[in-house]
PDB file of N, CA and C in Angstrom:
ATOM      1  N   MET A   1      28.065 -39.929-145.524  1.00  0.00           N
ATOM      2  CA  MET A   1      29.131 -39.209-144.837  1.00  0.00           C
ATOM      3  C   MET A   1      28.510 -38.429-143.692  1.00  0.00           C
ATOM      4  N   ARG A   2      29.180 -38.469-142.539  1.00  0.00           N
ATOM      5  CA  ARG A   2      28.730 -37.664-141.413  1.00  0.00           C
ATOM      6  C   ARG A   2      29.939 -37.222-140.613  1.00  0.00           C
ATOM      7  N   ALA A   3      29.712 -36.274-139.716  1.00  0.00           N
ATOM      8  CA  ALA A   3      30.792 -35.754-138.881  1.00  0.00           C
ATOM      9  C   ALA A   3      30.273 -35.567-137.466  1.00  0.00           C
ATOM     10  N   VAL A   4      31.168 -35.780-136.498  1.00  0.00           N
ATOM     11  CA  VAL A   4      30.813 -35.641-135.088  1.00  0.00           C
ATOM     12  C   VAL A   4      31.914 -34.902-134.347  1.00  0.00           C
ATOM     13  N   SER A   5      31.526 -34.305-133.223  1.00  0.00           N
ATOM     14  CA  SER A   5      32.516 -33.840-132.260  1.00  0.00           C
ATOM     15  C   SER A   5      32.396 -34.757-131.054  1.00  0.00           C
ATOM     16  N   LEU A   6      33.541 -35.090-130.470  1.00  0.00           N
ATOM     17  CA  LEU A   6      33.600 -35.932-129.283  1.00  0.00           C
ATOM     18  C   LEU A   6      34.403 -35.191-128.229  1.00  0.00           C
ATOM     19  N   HIS A   7      33.821 -34.982-127.073  1.00  0.00           N
ATOM     20  CA  HIS A   7      34.525 -34.367-125.954  1.00  0.00           C
ATOM     21  C   HIS A   7      34.737 -35.498-124.955  1.00  0.00           C
ATOM     22  N   VAL A   8      36.005 -35.894-124.759  1.00  0.00           N
ATOM     23  CA  VAL A   8      36.341 -37.107-124.020  1.00  0.00           C
ATOM     24  C   VAL A   8      36.913 -36.738-122.653  1.00  0.00           C
ATOM     25  N   PHE A   9      36.327 -37.316-121.609  1.00  0.00           N
ATOM     26  CA  PHE A   9      36.736 -37.051-120.228  1.00  0.00           C
ATOM     27  C   PHE A   9      37.271 -38.328-119.595  1.00  0.00           C
ATOM     28  N   GLY A  10      38.226 -38.173-118.695  1.00  0.00           N
ATOM     29  CA  GLY A  10      38.822 -39.302-117.994  1.00  0.00           C
ATOM     30  C   GLY A  10      40.324 -39.105-117.935  1.00  0.00           C
ATOM     31  N   ARG A  11      41.062 -40.215-117.858  1.00  0.00           N
ATOM     32  CA  ARG A  11      42.529 -40.134-117.891  1.00  0.00           C
ATOM     33  C   ARG A  11      42.935 -40.235-119.361  1.00  0.00           C
ATOM     34  N   VAL A  12      42.929 -39.081-120.039  1.00  0.00           N
ATOM     35  CA  VAL A  12      43.132 -39.058-121.489  1.00  0.00           C
ATOM     36  C   VAL A  12      44.269 -38.132-121.927  1.00  0.00           C
ATOM     37  N   GLN A  13      44.954 -37.504-120.986  1.00  0.00           N
ATOM     38  CA  GLN A  13      46.124 -36.692-121.325  1.00  0.00           C
ATOM     39  C   GLN A  13      47.358 -37.310-120.678  1.00  0.00           C
ATOM     40  N   GLY A  14      48.473 -37.268-121.414  1.00  0.00           N
ATOM     41  CA  GLY A  14      49.728 -37.797-120.898  1.00  0.00           C
ATOM     42  C   GLY A  14      49.817 -39.315-120.961  1.00  0.00           C
ATOM     43  N   VAL A  15      48.928 -39.949-121.736  1.00  0.00           N
ATOM     44  CA  VAL A  15      48.916 -41.414-121.825  1.00  0.00           C
ATOM     45  C   VAL A  15      48.965 -41.904-123.278  1.00  0.00           C
ATOM     46  N   GLY A  16      49.268 -41.009-124.229  1.00  0.00           N
ATOM     47  CA  GLY A  16      49.337 -41.374-125.641  1.00  0.00           C
ATOM     48  C   GLY A  16      47.988 -41.422-126.340  1.00  0.00           C
ATOM     49  N   PHE A  17      46.962 -40.890-125.701  1.00  0.00           N
ATOM     50  CA  PHE A  17      45.594 -40.964-126.227  1.00  0.00           C
ATOM     51  C   PHE A  17      45.465 -40.309-127.600  1.00  0.00           C
ATOM     52  N   ARG A  18      46.023 -39.107-127.769  1.00  0.00           N
ATOM     53  CA  ARG A  18      45.866 -38.399-129.051  1.00  0.00           C
ATOM     54  C   ARG A  18      46.534 -39.158-130.198  1.00  0.00           C
ATOM     55  N   TRP A  19      47.733 -39.692-129.958  1.00  0.00           N
ATOM     56  CA  TRP A  19      48.468 -40.364-131.027  1.00  0.00           C
ATOM     57  C   TRP A  19      47.815 -41.687-131.398  1.00  0.00           C
ATOM     58  N   LEU A  20      47.289 -42.400-130.417  1.00  0.00           N
ATOM     59  CA  LEU A  20      46.580 -43.636-130.731  1.00  0.00           C
ATOM     60  C   LEU A  20      45.231 -43.349-131.390  1.00  0.00           C
ATOM     61  N   THR A  21      44.612 -42.228-131.035  1.00  0.00           N
ATOM     62  CA  THR A  21      43.387 -41.801-131.712  1.00  0.00           C
ATOM     63  C   THR A  21      43.675 -41.561-133.191  1.00  0.00           C
ATOM     64  N   LYS A  22      44.786 -40.898-133.488  1.00  0.00           N
ATOM     65  CA  LYS A  22      45.183 -40.661-134.880  1.00  0.00           C
ATOM     66  C   LYS A  22      45.421 -41.981-135.606  1.00  0.00           C
ATOM     67  N   MET A  23      46.093 -42.924-134.939  1.00  0.00           N
ATOM     68  CA  MET A  23      46.372 -44.214-135.554  1.00  0.00           C
ATOM     69  C   MET A  23      45.064 -44.936-135.924  1.00  0.00           C
ATOM     70  N   VAL A  24      44.105 -44.939-135.008  1.00  0.00           N
ATOM     71  CA  VAL A  24      42.805 -45.570-135.275  1.00  0.00           C
ATOM     72  C   VAL A  24      42.103 -44.855-136.436  1.00  0.00           C
ATOM     73  N   ALA A  25      42.110 -43.526-136.419  1.00  0.00           N
ATOM     74  CA  ALA A  25      41.472 -42.750-137.493  1.00  0.00           C
ATOM     75  C   ALA A  25      42.108 -43.072-138.845  1.00  0.00           C
ATOM     76  N   ASP A  26      43.437 -43.108-138.884  1.00  0.00           N
ATOM     77  CA  ASP A  26      44.136 -43.398-140.138  1.00  0.00           C
ATOM     78  C   ASP A  26      43.797 -44.802-140.644  1.00  0.00           C
ATOM     79  N   GLN A  27      43.724 -45.772-139.740  1.00  0.00           N
ATOM     80  CA  GLN A  27      43.396 -47.148-140.138  1.00  0.00           C
ATOM     81  C   GLN A  27      41.988 -47.244-140.720  1.00  0.00           C
ATOM     82  N   LEU A  28      41.067 -46.441-140.193  1.00  0.00           N
ATOM     83  CA  LEU A  28      39.669 -46.516-140.620  1.00  0.00           C
ATOM     84  C   LEU A  28      39.312 -45.528-141.734  1.00  0.00           C
ATOM     85  N   GLY A  29      40.250 -44.655-142.099  1.00  0.00           N
ATOM     86  CA  GLY A  29      39.969 -43.661-143.132  1.00  0.00           C
ATOM     87  C   GLY A  29      39.103 -42.510-142.649  1.00  0.00           C
ATOM     88  N   VAL A  30      39.158 -42.241-141.343  1.00  0.00           N
ATOM     89  CA  VAL A  30      38.405 -41.135-140.744  1.00  0.00           C
ATOM     90  C   VAL A  30      39.284 -39.889-140.762  1.00  0.00           C
ATOM     91  N   THR A  31      38.711 -38.740-141.077  1.00  0.00           N
ATOM     92  CA  THR A  31      39.457 -37.487-141.106  1.00  0.00           C
ATOM     93  C   THR A  31      39.028 -36.593-139.948  1.00  0.00           C
ATOM     94  N   GLY A  32      39.860 -35.584-139.638  1.00  0.00           N
ATOM     95  CA  GLY A  32      39.518 -34.639-138.583  1.00  0.00           C
ATOM     96  C   GLY A  32      40.731 -34.249-137.770  1.00  0.00           C
ATOM     97  N   PHE A  33      40.502 -34.025-136.465  1.00  0.00           N
ATOM     98  CA  PHE A  33      41.608 -33.656-135.582  1.00  0.00           C
ATOM     99  C   PHE A  33      41.292 -34.038-134.146  1.00  0.00           C
ATOM    100  N   VAL A  34      42.353 -34.080-133.332  1.00  0.00           N
ATOM    101  CA  VAL A  34      42.233 -34.329-131.894  1.00  0.00           C
ATOM    102  C   VAL A  34      43.147 -33.342-131.184  1.00  0.00           C
ATOM    103  N   LYS A  35      42.676 -32.796-130.053  1.00  0.00           N
ATOM    104  CA  LYS A  35      43.506 -31.851-129.304  1.00  0.00           C
ATOM    105  C   LYS A  35      43.205 -31.945-127.811  1.00  0.00           C
ATOM    106  N   ASN A  36      44.215 -31.617-127.004  1.00  0.00           N
ATOM    107  CA  ASN A  36      44.050 -31.530-125.557  1.00  0.00           C
ATOM    108  C   ASN A  36      43.323 -30.245-125.200  1.00  0.00           C
ATOM    109  N   GLU A  37      42.519 -30.309-124.140  1.00  0.00           N
ATOM    110  CA  GLU A  37      41.841 -29.137-123.594  1.00  0.00           C
ATOM    111  C   GLU A  37      42.481 -28.786-122.248  1.00  0.00           C
ATOM    112  N   PHE A  38      42.338 -27.532-121.829  1.00  0.00           N
ATOM    113  CA  PHE A  38      42.942 -27.069-120.583  1.00  0.00           C
ATOM    114  C   PHE A  38      42.376 -27.768-119.355  1.00  0.00           C
ATOM    115  N   ASP A  39      41.160 -28.289-119.445  1.00  0.00           N
ATOM    116  CA  ASP A  39      40.537 -28.935-118.282  1.00  0.00           C
ATOM    117  C   ASP A  39      40.929 -30.404-118.127  1.00  0.00           C
ATOM    118  N   GLY A  40      41.877 -30.895-118.951  1.00  0.00           N
ATOM    119  CA  GLY A  40      42.335 -32.276-118.857  1.00  0.00           C
ATOM    120  C   GLY A  40      41.590 -33.231-119.777  1.00  0.00           C
ATOM    121  N   SER A  41      40.613 -32.720-120.502  1.00  0.00           N
ATOM    122  CA  SER A  41      39.860 -33.549-121.442  1.00  0.00           C
ATOM    123  C   SER A  41      40.515 -33.484-122.822  1.00  0.00           C
ATOM    124  N   VAL A  42      39.939 -34.225-123.755  1.00  0.00           N
ATOM    125  CA  VAL A  42      40.393 -34.225-125.142  1.00  0.00           C
ATOM    126  C   VAL A  42      39.189 -33.928-126.030  1.00  0.00           C
ATOM    127  N   TYR A  43      39.399 -33.093-127.057  1.00  0.00           N
ATOM    128  CA  TYR A  43      38.339 -32.736-128.004  1.00  0.00           C
ATOM    129  C   TYR A  43      38.692 -33.309-129.373  1.00  0.00           C
ATOM    130  N   ILE A  44      37.724 -33.946-130.000  1.00  0.00           N
ATOM    131  CA  ILE A  44      37.916 -34.574-131.309  1.00  0.00           C
ATOM    132  C   ILE A  44      36.810 -34.108-132.254  1.00  0.00           C
ATOM    133  N   GLU A  45      37.183 -33.814-133.486  1.00  0.00           N
ATOM    134  CA  GLU A  45      36.212 -33.694-134.567  1.00  0.00           C
ATOM    135  C   GLU A  45      36.601 -34.741-135.593  1.00  0.00           C
ATOM    136  N   ALA A  46      35.615 -35.522-136.039  1.00  0.00           N
ATOM    137  CA  ALA A  46      35.898 -36.624-136.953  1.00  0.00           C
ATOM    138  C   ALA A  46      34.801 -36.731-138.000  1.00  0.00           C
ATOM    139  N   ALA A  47      35.214 -37.083-139.222  1.00  0.00           N
ATOM    140  CA  ALA A  47      34.269 -37.234-140.330  1.00  0.00           C
ATOM    141  C   ALA A  47      34.613 -38.495-141.106  1.00  0.00           C
ATOM    142  N   GLY A  48      33.580 -39.136-141.624  1.00  0.00           N
ATOM    143  CA  GLY A  48      33.802 -40.333-142.426  1.00  0.00           C
ATOM    144  C   GLY A  48      32.497 -40.987-142.806  1.00  0.00           C
ATOM    145  N   GLU A  49      32.612 -42.087-143.510  1.00  0.00           N
ATOM    146  CA  GLU A  49      31.436 -42.882-143.854  1.00  0.00           C
ATOM    147  C   GLU A  49      30.875 -43.499-142.578  1.00  0.00           C
ATOM    148  N   GLU A  50      29.614 -43.838-142.603  1.00  0.00           N
ATOM    149  CA  GLU A  50      28.881 -44.295-141.411  1.00  0.00           C
ATOM    150  C   GLU A  50      29.587 -45.421-140.646  1.00  0.00           C
ATOM    151  N   GLU A  51      29.903 -46.531-141.317  1.00  0.00           N
ATOM    152  CA  GLU A  51      30.473 -47.686-140.614  1.00  0.00           C
ATOM    153  C   GLU A  51      31.856 -47.401-140.019  1.00  0.00           C
ATOM    154  N   PRO A  52      32.809 -46.854-140.798  1.00  0.00           N
ATOM    155  CA  PRO A  52      34.113 -46.554-140.203  1.00  0.00           C
ATOM    156  C   PRO A  52      34.022 -45.529-139.070  1.00  0.00           C
ATOM    157  N   LEU A  53      33.144 -44.539-139.216  1.00  0.00           N
ATOM    158  CA  LEU A  53      33.009 -43.529-138.164  1.00  0.00           C
ATOM    159  C   LEU A  53      32.433 -44.157-136.895  1.00  0.00           C
ATOM    160  N   ASP A  54      31.464 -45.052-137.038  1.00  0.00           N
ATOM    161  CA  ASP A  54      30.915 -45.740-135.870  1.00  0.00           C
ATOM    162  C   ASP A  54      31.979 -46.585-135.170  1.00  0.00           C
ATOM    163  N   LYS A  55      32.829 -47.264-135.951  1.00  0.00           N
ATOM    164  CA  LYS A  55      33.928 -48.052-135.367  1.00  0.00           C
ATOM    165  C   LYS A  55      34.906 -47.135-134.633  1.00  0.00           C
ATOM    166  N   PHE A  56      35.201 -45.986-135.228  1.00  0.00           N
ATOM    167  CA  PHE A  56      36.094 -45.009-134.604  1.00  0.00           C
ATOM    168  C   PHE A  56      35.528 -44.548-133.265  1.00  0.00           C
ATOM    169  N   ILE A  57      34.251 -44.180-133.244  1.00  0.00           N
ATOM    170  CA  ILE A  57      33.611 -43.716-132.007  1.00  0.00           C
ATOM    171  C   ILE A  57      33.653 -44.815-130.948  1.00  0.00           C
ATOM    172  N   GLY A  58      33.396 -46.052-131.347  1.00  0.00           N
ATOM    173  CA  GLY A  58      33.466 -47.176-130.411  1.00  0.00           C
ATOM    174  C   GLY A  58      34.854 -47.348-129.827  1.00  0.00           C
ATOM    175  N   ALA A  59      35.885 -47.191-130.670  1.00  0.00           N
ATOM    176  CA  ALA A  59      37.267 -47.310-130.193  1.00  0.00           C
ATOM    177  C   ALA A  59      37.602 -46.199-129.208  1.00  0.00           C
ATOM    178  N   ILE A  60      37.116 -44.998-129.454  1.00  0.00           N
ATOM    179  CA  ILE A  60      37.368 -43.877-128.543  1.00  0.00           C
ATOM    180  C   ILE A  60      36.693 -44.140-127.204  1.00  0.00           C
ATOM    181  N   LYS A  61      35.461 -44.594-127.230  1.00  0.00           N
ATOM    182  CA  LYS A  61      34.732 -44.862-125.983  1.00  0.00           C
ATOM    183  C   LYS A  61      35.388 -45.973-125.173  1.00  0.00           C
ATOM    184  N   ALA A  62      36.046 -46.922-125.856  1.00  0.00           N
ATOM    185  CA  ALA A  62      36.734 -48.021-125.177  1.00  0.00           C
ATOM    186  C   ALA A  62      38.151 -47.635-124.762  1.00  0.00           C
ATOM    187  N   SER A  63      38.618 -46.457-125.144  1.00  0.00           N
ATOM    188  CA  SER A  63      39.972 -45.932-124.921  1.00  0.00           C
ATOM    189  C   SER A  63      40.982 -46.675-125.782  1.00  0.00           C
ATOM    190  N   PRO A  64      41.566 -45.975-126.764  1.00  0.00           N
ATOM    191  CA  PRO A  64      42.531 -46.613-127.649  1.00  0.00           C
ATOM    192  C   PRO A  64      43.871 -46.910-126.980  1.00  0.00           C
ATOM    193  N   THR A  65      44.097 -46.429-125.762  1.00  0.00           N
ATOM    194  CA  THR A  65      45.359 -46.663-125.072  1.00  0.00           C
ATOM    195  C   THR A  65      45.120 -47.428-123.771  1.00  0.00           C
ATOM    196  N   PRO A  66      45.933 -48.452-123.508  1.00  0.00           N
ATOM    197  CA  PRO A  66      45.726 -49.239-122.284  1.00  0.00           C
ATOM    198  C   PRO A  66      45.975 -48.451-121.001  1.00  0.00           C
ATOM    199  N   SER A  67      46.790 -47.417-121.048  1.00  0.00           N
ATOM    200  CA  SER A  67      47.058 -46.634-119.833  1.00  0.00           C
ATOM    201  C   SER A  67      46.070 -45.497-119.629  1.00  0.00           C
ATOM    202  N   GLY A  68      45.169 -45.304-120.577  1.00  0.00           N
ATOM    203  CA  GLY A  68      44.136 -44.280-120.433  1.00  0.00           C
ATOM    204  C   GLY A  68      42.844 -44.886-119.924  1.00  0.00           C
ATOM    205  N   LYS A  69      41.934 -44.015-119.531  1.00  0.00           N
ATOM    206  CA  LYS A  69      40.621 -44.473-119.066  1.00  0.00           C
ATOM    207  C   LYS A  69      39.595 -43.419-119.456  1.00  0.00           C
ATOM    208  N   VAL A  70      38.617 -43.823-120.231  1.00  0.00           N
ATOM    209  CA  VAL A  70      37.552 -42.917-120.651  1.00  0.00           C
ATOM    210  C   VAL A  70      36.392 -43.053-119.677  1.00  0.00           C
ATOM    211  N   ASP A  71      36.044 -41.940-119.038  1.00  0.00           N
ATOM    212  CA  ASP A  71      34.904 -41.924-118.120  1.00  0.00           C
ATOM    213  C   ASP A  71      33.615 -41.509-118.819  1.00  0.00           C
ATOM    214  N   ARG A  72      33.739 -40.590-119.774  1.00  0.00           N
ATOM    215  CA  ARG A  72      32.548 -40.048-120.430  1.00  0.00           C
ATOM    216  C   ARG A  72      32.924 -39.475-121.794  1.00  0.00           C
ATOM    217  N   VAL A  73      32.022 -39.626-122.755  1.00  0.00           N
ATOM    218  CA  VAL A  73      32.195 -39.026-124.078  1.00  0.00           C
ATOM    219  C   VAL A  73      30.913 -38.282-124.426  1.00  0.00           C
ATOM    220  N   ASP A  74      31.027 -36.978-124.627  1.00  0.00           N
ATOM    221  CA  ASP A  74      29.897 -36.168-125.093  1.00  0.00           C
ATOM    222  C   ASP A  74      29.996 -36.086-126.614  1.00  0.00           C
ATOM    223  N   GLU A  75      28.986 -36.595-127.296  1.00  0.00           N
ATOM    224  CA  GLU A  75      28.997 -36.680-128.760  1.00  0.00           C
ATOM    225  C   GLU A  75      27.936 -35.767-129.361  1.00  0.00           C
ATOM    226  N   LYS A  76      28.332 -35.029-130.407  1.00  0.00           N
ATOM    227  CA  LYS A  76      27.393 -34.162-131.128  1.00  0.00           C
ATOM    228  C   LYS A  76      27.611 -34.327-132.622  1.00  0.00           C
ATOM    229  N   GLU A  77      26.519 -34.325-133.364  1.00  0.00           N
ATOM    230  CA  GLU A  77      26.609 -34.327-134.826  1.00  0.00           C
ATOM    231  C   GLU A  77      27.027 -32.930-135.280  1.00  0.00           C
ATOM    232  N   LEU A  78      27.872 -32.860-136.292  1.00  0.00           N
ATOM    233  CA  LEU A  78      28.311 -31.577-136.847  1.00  0.00           C
ATOM    234  C   LEU A  78      27.609 -31.333-138.179  1.00  0.00           C
ATOM    235  N   SER A  79      27.066 -30.149-138.315  1.00  0.00           N
ATOM    236  CA  SER A  79      26.405 -29.764-139.553  1.00  0.00           C
ATOM    237  C   SER A  79      26.573 -28.257-139.731  1.00  0.00           C
ATOM    238  N   PRO A  80      26.968 -27.783-140.892  1.00  0.00           N
ATOM    239  CA  PRO A  80      27.269 -28.533-142.094  1.00  0.00           C
ATOM    240  C   PRO A  80      28.540 -29.367-141.921  1.00  0.00           C
ATOM    241  N   LEU A  81      28.748 -30.307-142.834  1.00  0.00           N
ATOM    242  CA  LEU A  81      29.908 -31.188-142.743  1.00  0.00           C
ATOM    243  C   LEU A  81      31.194 -30.400-142.951  1.00  0.00           C
ATOM    244  N   PRO A  82      32.107 -30.474-141.991  1.00  0.00           N
ATOM    245  CA  PRO A  82      33.404 -29.815-142.176  1.00  0.00           C
ATOM    246  C   PRO A  82      34.235 -30.572-143.220  1.00  0.00           C
ATOM    247  N   SER A  83      35.212 -29.910-143.765  1.00  0.00           N
ATOM    248  CA  SER A  83      36.111 -30.534-144.733  1.00  0.00           C
ATOM    249  C   SER A  83      37.506 -30.633-144.117  1.00  0.00           C
ATOM    250  N   TYR A  84      37.988 -31.856-143.932  1.00  0.00           N
ATOM    251  CA  TYR A  84      39.311 -32.083-143.342  1.00  0.00           C
ATOM    252  C   TYR A  84      40.194 -32.784-144.358  1.00  0.00           C
ATOM    253  N   ARG A  85      41.485 -32.578-144.219  1.00  0.00           N
ATOM    254  CA  ARG A  85      42.470 -33.303-145.020  1.00  0.00           C
ATOM    255  C   ARG A  85      43.254 -34.178-144.062  1.00  0.00           C
ATOM    256  N   GLY A  86      42.965 -35.464-144.034  1.00  0.00           N
ATOM    257  CA  GLY A  86      43.646 -36.386-143.144  1.00  0.00           C
ATOM    258  C   GLY A  86      43.179 -36.194-141.707  1.00  0.00           C
ATOM    259  N   PHE A  87      43.918 -36.803-140.782  1.00  0.00           N
ATOM    260  CA  PHE A  87      43.597 -36.673-139.358  1.00  0.00           C
ATOM    261  C   PHE A  87      44.823 -36.103-138.661  1.00  0.00           C
ATOM    262  N   LYS A  88      44.651 -35.004-137.948  1.00  0.00           N
ATOM    263  CA  LYS A  88      45.772 -34.271-137.343  1.00  0.00           C
ATOM    264  C   LYS A  88      45.712 -34.306-135.816  1.00  0.00           C
ATOM    265  N   VAL A  89      46.890 -34.328-135.205  1.00  0.00           N
ATOM    266  CA  VAL A  89      47.025 -34.132-133.762  1.00  0.00           C
ATOM    267  C   VAL A  89      47.432 -32.681-133.567  1.00  0.00           C
ATOM    268  N   THR A  90      46.635 -31.925-132.820  1.00  0.00           N
ATOM    269  CA  THR A  90      46.960 -30.521-132.548  1.00  0.00           C
ATOM    270  C   THR A  90      46.980 -30.310-131.044  1.00  0.00           C
ATOM    271  N   GLY A  91      47.360 -29.092-130.625  1.00  0.00           N
ATOM    272  CA  GLY A  91      47.342 -28.684-129.223  1.00  0.00           C
ATOM    273  C   GLY A  91      47.538 -29.788-128.288  1.00  0.00           C
TER     274      GLY A  91
END
């Protein structure tokens, strides 16, 4: 089990990015949250088993929405492991 934070830059607000991120997380069994930031970016914290979490990160980097465009993803490992219940869309 591991957890990461992802700070996603590009055309990621107003294009359904957060809701499709939740859909991908739910399909893969990844927990955490996604929220919009004031600077137009999106912030994600996600936790899961190694393989599903890697697939989730790959989907985020490829942009889960066809109308969005990911320019950059800043990824950090989170420690200690946070405890989430499901995957939530906030802010």
